[in-house]
């Protein structure tokens, strides 16, 4: 029988490790003073391209971003 005494607190809270890690990273970024805060927030942004394939040929790639804008 497994014991719950050794369960990490993020798992006990119902989070995945990635969710916990992202939450901690956001809190650290918010605690930074300027100009370090804006630099850290800019490093966080992610840009990627998505290419759909039709009939074994790539279509025009689409640039995507994680920004809500």
Protein backbone atom coordinates (compact mmCIF):
# COMPACT_ATOMS: atom_id res chain seq x y z
CA UNK A 1 0.00 0.00 0.00
CA UNK A 2 1.40 3.39 -1.00
CA UNK A 3 1.70 6.19 1.50
CA UNK A 4 0.75 9.78 0.70
CA UNK A 5 3.46 11.12 3.02
CA UNK A 6 6.05 11.27 0.20
CA UNK A 7 3.84 12.93 -2.41
CA UNK A 8 5.26 16.26 -3.63
CA UNK A 9 3.10 19.18 -2.54
CA UNK A 10 2.42 20.26 -6.15
CA UNK A 11 1.00 16.79 -6.86
CA UNK A 12 -1.05 16.88 -3.65
CA UNK A 13 -2.48 20.22 -4.81
CA UNK A 14 -3.65 18.57 -8.03
CA UNK A 15 -1.07 20.24 -10.31
CA UNK A 16 1.32 18.84 -12.84
CA UNK A 17 4.99 19.70 -12.45
CA UNK A 18 4.86 21.91 -15.56
CA UNK A 19 1.95 23.91 -14.12
CA UNK A 20 3.79 24.31 -10.81
CA UNK A 21 6.99 25.31 -12.59
CA UNK A 22 5.20 27.93 -14.72
CA UNK A 23 3.47 29.35 -11.65
CA UNK A 24 6.77 29.70 -9.79
CA UNK A 25 8.49 31.26 -12.81
CA UNK A 26 5.70 33.86 -13.15
CA UNK A 27 5.97 34.73 -9.44
CA UNK A 28 9.73 35.20 -9.71
CA UNK A 29 9.34 37.42 -12.80
CA UNK A 30 6.79 39.58 -10.96
CA UNK A 31 9.20 40.06 -8.02
CA UNK A 32 12.02 41.41 -10.20
CA UNK A 33 12.76 45.12 -10.37
CA UNK A 34 12.95 47.02 -13.64
CA UNK A 35 14.71 46.66 -16.10
CA UNK A 36 15.20 42.98 -15.21
CA UNK A 37 11.44 42.35 -15.05
CA UNK A 38 10.75 43.47 -18.63
CA UNK A 39 13.78 41.51 -19.91
CA UNK A 40 12.56 38.33 -18.22
CA UNK A 41 9.02 38.80 -19.53
CA UNK A 42 10.33 39.28 -23.09
CA UNK A 43 12.40 36.09 -22.83
CA UNK A 44 9.25 34.19 -21.87
CA UNK A 45 7.51 34.81 -25.21
CA UNK A 46 7.36 31.90 -27.65
CA UNK A 47 7.04 32.10 -31.43
CA UNK A 48 6.72 29.09 -33.71
CA UNK A 49 5.54 28.15 -37.19
CA UNK A 50 2.88 25.65 -38.14
CA UNK A 51 2.99 24.01 -41.55
CA UNK A 52 0.10 21.91 -42.83
CA UNK A 53 0.84 19.14 -45.29
CA UNK A 54 -1.58 18.31 -48.10
CA UNK A 55 -0.88 15.53 -50.61
CA UNK A 56 2.66 15.09 -49.27
CA UNK A 57 3.49 18.77 -49.94
CA UNK A 58 3.82 21.56 -47.38
CA UNK A 59 1.49 24.53 -47.55
CA UNK A 60 2.54 28.06 -46.58
CA UNK A 61 3.76 28.11 -42.96
CA UNK A 62 1.83 30.17 -40.40
CA UNK A 63 3.70 32.12 -37.72
CA UNK A 64 2.11 31.57 -34.31
CA UNK A 65 2.76 33.15 -30.94
CA UNK A 66 1.69 32.52 -27.38
CA UNK A 67 0.68 36.18 -26.96
CA UNK A 68 -3.08 36.66 -26.44
CA UNK A 69 -3.00 39.69 -28.76
